[in-house]
């Protein structure tokens, strides 16, 4: 069975702009030829890639309430 031309997505060059302003050209199916993709999160800033620590938000005191209820529990002897 022969494939139709429309079976494949349009693969073209776009410009990607990182959060620090650096740019590079890559091939993508995003948008159309020459479009610009501005990233909100990228490997140069996100803690998942940089190894940074993430702040734990205590919304409504849930973490505090958990720690006050279960913070004293020990699950066996520590070695």
PDB file of N, CA and C in Angstrom:
ATOM      1  N   UNK A   1       0.839  -1.176   0.000  1.00  0.00           N
ATOM      2  CA  UNK A   1       0.000   0.000   0.000  1.00  0.00           C
ATOM      3  C   UNK A   1       0.889   1.245   0.000  1.00  0.00           C
ATOM      4  N   UNK A   2       0.689   2.122  -0.906  1.00  0.00           N
ATOM      5  CA  UNK A   2       1.493   3.339  -1.036  1.00  0.00           C
ATOM      6  C   UNK A   2       1.053   4.384  -0.015  1.00  0.00           C
ATOM      7  N   UNK A   3       2.028   5.102   0.525  1.00  0.00           N
ATOM      8  CA  UNK A   3       1.729   6.163   1.487  1.00  0.00           C
ATOM      9  C   UNK A   3       1.385   7.447   0.744  1.00  0.00           C
ATOM     10  N   UNK A   4       0.464   8.185   1.322  1.00  0.00           N
ATOM     11  CA  UNK A   4       0.119   9.480   0.750  1.00  0.00           C
ATOM     12  C   UNK A   4       1.096  10.522   1.274  1.00  0.00           C
ATOM     13  N   UNK A   5       1.268  11.595   0.546  1.00  0.00           N
ATOM     14  CA  UNK A   5       2.130  12.687   0.973  1.00  0.00           C
ATOM     15  C   UNK A   5       1.639  13.289   2.288  1.00  0.00           C
ATOM     16  N   UNK A   6       0.347  13.281   2.536  1.00  0.00           N
ATOM     17  CA  UNK A   6      -0.218  13.930   3.720  1.00  0.00           C
ATOM     18  C   UNK A   6      -0.067  13.086   4.985  1.00  0.00           C
ATOM     19  N   UNK A   7       0.478  11.873   4.909  1.00  0.00           N
ATOM     20  CA  UNK A   7       0.664  11.035   6.079  1.00  0.00           C
ATOM     21  C   UNK A   7       1.748  11.570   7.008  1.00  0.00           C
ATOM     22  N   UNK A   8       2.660  12.373   6.501  1.00  0.00           N
ATOM     23  CA  UNK A   8       3.784  12.866   7.283  1.00  0.00           C
ATOM     24  C   UNK A   8       3.563  14.331   7.649  1.00  0.00           C
ATOM     25  N   UNK A   9       3.916  14.714   8.878  1.00  0.00           N
ATOM     26  CA  UNK A   9       3.756  16.115   9.268  1.00  0.00           C
ATOM     27  C   UNK A   9       4.753  17.014   8.537  1.00  0.00           C
ATOM     28  N   UNK A  10       4.433  18.277   8.463  1.00  0.00           N
ATOM     29  CA  UNK A  10       5.316  19.265   7.854  1.00  0.00           C
ATOM     30  C   UNK A  10       6.484  19.514   8.801  1.00  0.00           C
ATOM     31  N   UNK A  11       7.692  19.148   8.396  1.00  0.00           N
ATOM     32  CA  UNK A  11       8.887  19.236   9.222  1.00  0.00           C
ATOM     33  C   UNK A  11       9.752  20.333   8.638  1.00  0.00           C
ATOM     34  N   UNK A  12       9.990  21.418   9.406  1.00  0.00           N
ATOM     35  CA  UNK A  12      10.646  22.606   8.880  1.00  0.00           C
ATOM     36  C   UNK A  12      11.519  23.259   9.947  1.00  0.00           C
ATOM     37  N   UNK A  13      12.248  24.320   9.576  1.00  0.00           N
ATOM     38  CA  UNK A  13      13.116  25.029  10.507  1.00  0.00           C
ATOM     39  C   UNK A  13      12.349  26.103  11.261  1.00  0.00           C
ATOM     40  N   UNK A  14      12.599  26.171  12.598  1.00  0.00           N
ATOM     41  CA  UNK A  14      12.064  27.240  13.435  1.00  0.00           C
ATOM     42  C   UNK A  14      13.201  27.757  14.318  1.00  0.00           C
ATOM     43  N   UNK A  15      13.001  28.932  14.910  1.00  0.00           N
ATOM     44  CA  UNK A  15      13.972  29.484  15.850  1.00  0.00           C
ATOM     45  C   UNK A  15      13.433  29.282  17.262  1.00  0.00           C
ATOM     46  N   UNK A  16      14.260  28.747  18.170  1.00  0.00           N
ATOM     47  CA  UNK A  16      13.889  28.555  19.567  1.00  0.00           C
ATOM     48  C   UNK A  16      14.646  29.599  20.384  1.00  0.00           C
ATOM     49  N   UNK A  17      13.901  30.349  21.235  1.00  0.00           N
ATOM     50  CA  UNK A  17      14.510  31.361  22.090  1.00  0.00           C
ATOM     51  C   UNK A  17      14.390  30.898  23.533  1.00  0.00           C
ATOM     52  N   UNK A  18      15.545  30.703  24.179  1.00  0.00           N
ATOM     53  CA  UNK A  18      15.590  30.251  25.567  1.00  0.00           C
ATOM     54  C   UNK A  18      15.233  31.416  26.492  1.00  0.00           C
ATOM     55  N   UNK A  19      15.032  31.127  27.783  1.00  0.00           N
ATOM     56  CA  UNK A  19      14.645  32.170  28.736  1.00  0.00           C
ATOM     57  C   UNK A  19      15.746  33.208  28.944  1.00  0.00           C
ATOM     58  N   UNK A  20      17.006  32.835  28.730  1.00  0.00           N
ATOM     59  CA  UNK A  20      18.100  33.797  28.900  1.00  0.00           C
ATOM     60  C   UNK A  20      18.395  34.583  27.626  1.00  0.00           C
ATOM     61  N   UNK A  21      17.590  34.362  26.573  1.00  0.00           N
ATOM     62  CA  UNK A  21      17.735  35.118  25.339  1.00  0.00           C
ATOM     63  C   UNK A  21      18.551  34.433  24.263  1.00  0.00           C
ATOM     64  N   UNK A  22      19.235  33.340  24.580  1.00  0.00           N
ATOM     65  CA  UNK A  22      19.990  32.637  23.544  1.00  0.00           C
ATOM     66  C   UNK A  22      19.024  32.007  22.547  1.00  0.00           C
ATOM     67  N   UNK A  23      19.465  31.927  21.317  1.00  0.00           N
ATOM     68  CA  UNK A  23      18.619  31.417  20.233  1.00  0.00           C
ATOM     69  C   UNK A  23      19.346  30.323  19.479  1.00  0.00           C
ATOM     70  N   UNK A  24      18.572  29.421  18.917  1.00  0.00           N
ATOM     71  CA  UNK A  24      19.141  28.435  18.002  1.00  0.00           C
ATOM     72  C   UNK A  24      18.067  27.987  17.024  1.00  0.00           C
ATOM     73  N   UNK A  25      18.515  27.495  15.893  1.00  0.00           N
ATOM     74  CA  UNK A  25      17.616  26.989  14.864  1.00  0.00           C
ATOM     75  C   UNK A  25      17.528  25.478  14.996  1.00  0.00           C
ATOM     76  N   UNK A  26      16.332  24.950  14.804  1.00  0.00           N
ATOM     77  CA  UNK A  26      16.133  23.506  14.848  1.00  0.00           C
ATOM     78  C   UNK A  26      14.993  23.145  13.913  1.00  0.00           C
ATOM     79  N   UNK A  27      14.879  21.869  13.629  1.00  0.00           N
ATOM     80  CA  UNK A  27      13.763  21.395  12.809  1.00  0.00           C
ATOM     81  C   UNK A  27      12.649  20.941  13.727  1.00  0.00           C
ATOM     82  N   UNK A  28      11.405  21.222  13.354  1.00  0.00           N
ATOM     83  CA  UNK A  28      10.268  20.909  14.206  1.00  0.00           C
ATOM     84  C   UNK A  28       8.993  20.833  13.379  1.00  0.00           C
ATOM     85  N   UNK A  29       7.945  20.299  13.994  1.00  0.00           N
ATOM     86  CA  UNK A  29       6.615  20.335  13.386  1.00  0.00           C
ATOM     87  C   UNK A  29       5.797  21.483  13.968  1.00  0.00           C
ATOM     88  N   UNK A  30       6.395  22.267  14.896  1.00  0.00           N
ATOM     89  CA  UNK A  30       5.728  23.410  15.516  1.00  0.00           C
ATOM     90  C   UNK A  30       5.518  24.519  14.488  1.00  0.00           C
ATOM     91  N   UNK A  31       4.325  25.084  14.446  1.00  0.00           N
ATOM     92  CA  UNK A  31       4.045  26.245  13.600  1.00  0.00           C
ATOM     93  C   UNK A  31       4.343  26.016  12.143  1.00  0.00           C
ATOM     94  N   UNK A  32       4.943  27.042  11.538  1.00  0.00           N
ATOM     95  CA  UNK A  32       5.321  26.957  10.126  1.00  0.00           C
ATOM     96  C   UNK A  32       6.757  27.439   9.951  1.00  0.00           C
ATOM     97  N   UNK A  33       7.312  27.281   8.802  1.00  0.00           N
ATOM     98  CA  UNK A  33       8.694  27.653   8.509  1.00  0.00           C
ATOM     99  C   UNK A  33       8.976  29.075   8.986  1.00  0.00           C
ATOM    100  N   UNK A  34      10.059  29.231   9.784  1.00  0.00           N
ATOM    101  CA  UNK A  34      10.481  30.550  10.233  1.00  0.00           C
ATOM    102  C   UNK A  34       9.823  31.046  11.516  1.00  0.00           C
ATOM    103  N   UNK A  35       8.874  30.295  12.089  1.00  0.00           N
ATOM    104  CA  UNK A  35       8.234  30.722  13.338  1.00  0.00           C
ATOM    105  C   UNK A  35       9.250  30.731  14.484  1.00  0.00           C
ATOM    106  N   UNK A  36       8.916  31.476  15.548  1.00  0.00           N
ATOM    107  CA  UNK A  36       9.766  31.572  16.728  1.00  0.00           C
ATOM    108  C   UNK A  36       9.042  30.934  17.900  1.00  0.00           C
ATOM    109  N   UNK A  37       9.729  30.036  18.616  1.00  0.00           N
ATOM    110  CA  UNK A  37       9.190  29.389  19.808  1.00  0.00           C
ATOM    111  C   UNK A  37       9.923  29.969  21.013  1.00  0.00           C
ATOM    112  N   UNK A  38       9.206  30.772  21.833  1.00  0.00           N
ATOM    113  CA  UNK A  38       9.782  31.358  23.047  1.00  0.00           C
ATOM    114  C   UNK A  38       9.487  30.433  24.215  1.00  0.00           C
ATOM    115  N   UNK A  39      10.545  29.942  24.867  1.00  0.00           N
ATOM    116  CA  UNK A  39      10.381  29.010  25.965  1.00  0.00           C
ATOM    117  C   UNK A  39      10.165  29.740  27.284  1.00  0.00           C
ATOM    118  N   UNK A  40       9.221  29.249  28.094  1.00  0.00           N
ATOM    119  CA  UNK A  40       9.000  29.781  29.444  1.00  0.00           C
ATOM    120  C   UNK A  40       9.900  29.068  30.439  1.00  0.00           C
ATOM    121  N   UNK A  41      10.176  27.800  30.191  1.00  0.00           N
ATOM    122  CA  UNK A  41      11.032  26.974  31.040  1.00  0.00           C
ATOM    123  C   UNK A  41      12.002  26.254  30.124  1.00  0.00           C
ATOM    124  N   UNK A  42      13.267  26.259  30.486  1.00  0.00           N
ATOM    125  CA  UNK A  42      14.248  25.543  29.678  1.00  0.00           C
ATOM    126  C   UNK A  42      15.326  24.923  30.568  1.00  0.00           C
ATOM    127  N   UNK A  43      16.172  24.078  30.004  1.00  0.00           N
ATOM    128  CA  UNK A  43      17.179  23.372  30.801  1.00  0.00           C
ATOM    129  C   UNK A  43      18.165  24.288  31.521  1.00  0.00           C
ATOM    130  N   UNK A  44      18.324  25.530  31.082  1.00  0.00           N
ATOM    131  CA  UNK A  44      19.287  26.405  31.758  1.00  0.00           C
ATOM    132  C   UNK A  44      18.715  27.017  33.033  1.00  0.00           C
ATOM    133  N   UNK A  45      17.396  26.940  33.236  1.00  0.00           N
ATOM    134  CA  UNK A  45      16.798  27.582  34.398  1.00  0.00           C
ATOM    135  C   UNK A  45      15.986  26.650  35.284  1.00  0.00           C
ATOM    136  N   UNK A  46      15.509  25.544  34.775  1.00  0.00           N
ATOM    137  CA  UNK A  46      14.600  24.697  35.552  1.00  0.00           C
ATOM    138  C   UNK A  46      15.374  23.802  36.514  1.00  0.00           C
ATOM    139  N   UNK A  47      14.919  23.689  37.787  1.00  0.00           N
ATOM    140  CA  UNK A  47      15.630  22.876  38.785  1.00  0.00           C
ATOM    141  C   UNK A  47      15.792  21.403  38.407  1.00  0.00           C
ATOM    142  N   UNK A  48      14.910  20.874  37.579  1.00  0.00           N
ATOM    143  CA  UNK A  48      15.031  19.466  37.181  1.00  0.00           C
ATOM    144  C   UNK A  48      16.325  19.229  36.417  1.00  0.00           C
ATOM    145  N   UNK A  49      16.806  20.228  35.677  1.00  0.00           N
ATOM    146  CA  UNK A  49      18.040  20.082  34.909  1.00  0.00           C
ATOM    147  C   UNK A  49      19.241  20.697  35.617  1.00  0.00           C
ATOM    148  N   UNK A  50      19.020  21.748  36.409  1.00  0.00           N
ATOM    149  CA  UNK A  50      20.147  22.447  37.022  1.00  0.00           C
ATOM    150  C   UNK A  50      20.561  21.836  38.345  1.00  0.00           C
ATOM    151  N   UNK A  51      19.732  20.940  38.905  1.00  0.00           N
ATOM    152  CA  UNK A  51      20.056  20.321  40.182  1.00  0.00           C
ATOM    153  C   UNK A  51      19.725  21.212  41.361  1.00  0.00           C
ATOM    154  N   UNK A  52      18.986  22.285  41.114  1.00  0.00           N
ATOM    155  CA  UNK A  52      18.602  23.204  42.180  1.00  0.00           C
ATOM    156  C   UNK A  52      17.552  22.589  43.082  1.00  0.00           C
ATOM    157  N   UNK A  53      17.336  23.237  44.204  1.00  0.00           N
ATOM    158  CA  UNK A  53      16.319  22.753  45.127  1.00  0.00           C
ATOM    159  C   UNK A  53      15.033  23.512  44.894  1.00  0.00           C
ATOM    160  N   UNK A  54      13.951  22.845  45.143  1.00  0.00           N
ATOM    161  CA  UNK A  54      12.639  23.431  44.918  1.00  0.00           C
ATOM    162  C   UNK A  54      12.017  23.750  46.270  1.00  0.00           C
ATOM    163  N   UNK A  55      11.378  24.902  46.367  1.00  0.00           N
ATOM    164  CA  UNK A  55      10.704  25.301  47.600  1.00  0.00           C
ATOM    165  C   UNK A  55       9.430  24.483  47.760  1.00  0.00           C
ATOM    166  N   UNK A  56       9.180  24.009  48.974  1.00  0.00           N
ATOM    167  CA  UNK A  56       7.960  23.277  49.265  1.00  0.00           C
ATOM    168  C   UNK A  56       6.934  24.273  49.777  1.00  0.00           C
ATOM    169  N   UNK A  57       5.842  24.446  49.020  1.00  0.00           N
ATOM    170  CA  UNK A  57       4.812  25.399  49.423  1.00  0.00           C
ATOM    171  C   UNK A  57       3.873  24.733  50.410  1.00  0.00           C
ATOM    172  N   UNK A  58       3.629  25.409  51.525  1.00  0.00           N
ATOM    173  CA  UNK A  58       2.737  24.887  52.554  1.00  0.00           C
ATOM    174  C   UNK A  58       1.396  25.602  52.405  1.00  0.00           C
ATOM    175  N   UNK A  59       0.552  25.067  51.561  1.00  0.00           N
ATOM    176  CA  UNK A  59      -0.746  25.690  51.322  1.00  0.00           C
ATOM    177  C   UNK A  59      -1.738  25.233  52.365  1.00  0.00           C
ATOM    178  N   UNK A  60      -2.285  26.170  53.074  1.00  0.00           N
ATOM    179  CA  UNK A  60      -3.285  25.860  54.079  1.00  0.00           C
ATOM    180  C   UNK A  60      -2.732  25.139  55.286  1.00  0.00           C
ATOM    181  N   UNK A  61      -1.411  25.183  55.502  1.00  0.00           N
ATOM    182  CA  UNK A  61      -0.813  24.554  56.665  1.00  0.00           C
ATOM    183  C   UNK A  61      -0.799  23.039  56.620  1.00  0.00           C
ATOM    184  N   UNK A  62      -0.949  22.454  55.445  1.00  0.00           N
ATOM    185  CA  UNK A  62      -1.017  20.988  55.347  1.00  0.00           C
ATOM    186  C   UNK A  62       0.275  20.320  55.773  1.00  0.00           C
ATOM    187  N   UNK A  63       1.409  20.865  55.325  1.00  0.00           N
ATOM    188  CA  UNK A  63       2.698  20.257  55.679  1.00  0.00           C
ATOM    189  C   UNK A  63       2.932  20.400  57.174  1.00  0.00           C
ATOM    190  N   UNK A  64       2.636  21.569  57.723  1.00  0.00           N
ATOM    191  CA  UNK A  64       2.805  21.790  59.165  1.00  0.00           C
ATOM    192  C   UNK A  64       1.915  20.845  59.963  1.00  0.00           C
ATOM    193  N   UNK A  65       0.679  20.703  59.526  1.00  0.00           N
ATOM    194  CA  UNK A  65      -0.262  19.831  60.223  1.00  0.00           C
ATOM    195  C   UNK A  65       0.212  18.373  60.162  1.00  0.00           C
ATOM    196  N   UNK A  66       0.713  17.948  58.996  1.00  0.00           N
ATOM    197  CA  UNK A  66       1.238  16.590  58.864  1.00  0.00           C
ATOM    198  C   UNK A  66       2.421  16.381  59.803  1.00  0.00           C
ATOM    199  N   UNK A  67       3.359  17.327  59.795  1.00  0.00           N
ATOM    200  CA  UNK A  67       4.546  17.195  60.637  1.00  0.00           C
ATOM    201  C   UNK A  67       4.187  17.182  62.115  1.00  0.00           C
ATOM    202  N   UNK A  68       3.201  17.978  62.517  1.00  0.00           N
ATOM    203  CA  UNK A  68       2.832  17.995  63.935  1.00  0.00           C
ATOM    204  C   UNK A  68       2.162  16.673  64.344  1.00  0.00           C
ATOM    205  N   UNK A  69       1.445  16.043  63.440  1.00  0.00           N
ATOM    206  CA  UNK A  69       0.769  14.780  63.753  1.00  0.00           C
ATOM    207  C   UNK A  69       1.696  13.582  63.662  1.00  0.00           C
ATOM    208  N   UNK A  70       2.552  13.567  62.637  1.00  0.00           N
ATOM    209  CA  UNK A  70       3.335  12.368  62.355  1.00  0.00           C
ATOM    210  C   UNK A  70       4.844  12.573  62.421  1.00  0.00           C
ATOM    211  N   UNK A  71       5.298  13.745  62.792  1.00  0.00           N
ATOM    212  CA  UNK A  71       6.735  14.044  62.822  1.00  0.00           C
ATOM    213  C   UNK A  71       7.512  13.234  63.835  1.00  0.00           C
ATOM    214  N   UNK A  72       6.859  12.760  64.922  1.00  0.00           N
ATOM    215  CA  UNK A  72       7.557  12.043  65.982  1.00  0.00           C
ATOM    216  C   UNK A  72       7.659  10.544  65.715  1.00  0.00           C
ATOM    217  N   UNK A  73       6.994  10.059  64.693  1.00  0.00           N
ATOM    218  CA  UNK A  73       6.994   8.616  64.438  1.00  0.00           C
ATOM    219  C   UNK A  73       8.359   8.145  63.976  1.00  0.00           C
ATOM    220  N   UNK A  74       8.775   7.011  64.469  1.00  0.00           N
ATOM    221  CA  UNK A  74       9.993   6.390  63.954  1.00  0.00           C
ATOM    222  C   UNK A  74       9.607   5.011  63.435  1.00  0.00           C
ATOM    223  N   UNK A  75      10.151   4.658  62.340  1.00  0.00           N
ATOM    224  CA  UNK A  75       9.806   3.392  61.697  1.00  0.00           C
ATOM    225  C   UNK A  75      10.966   2.425  61.830  1.00  0.00           C
ATOM    226  N   UNK A  76      11.223   1.998  63.060  1.00  0.00           N
ATOM    227  CA  UNK A  76      12.328   1.078  63.298  1.00  0.00           C
ATOM    228  C   UNK A  76      13.573   1.840  63.753  1.00  0.00           C
ATOM    229  N   UNK A  77      14.560   1.089  64.195  1.00  0.00           N
ATOM    230  CA  UNK A  77      15.786   1.696  64.689  1.00  0.00           C
ATOM    231  C   UNK A  77      16.611   2.224  63.516  1.00  0.00           C
ATOM    232  N   UNK A  78      17.150   3.428  63.689  1.00  0.00           N
ATOM    233  CA  UNK A  78      18.037   3.998  62.661  1.00  0.00           C
ATOM    234  C   UNK A  78      19.435   3.456  62.888  1.00  0.00           C
ATOM    235  N   UNK A  79      20.091   3.116  61.795  1.00  0.00           N
ATOM    236  CA  UNK A  79      21.439   2.551  61.900  1.00  0.00           C
ATOM    237  C   UNK A  79      22.459   3.544  61.488  1.00  0.00           C
TER     238      UNK A  79
END
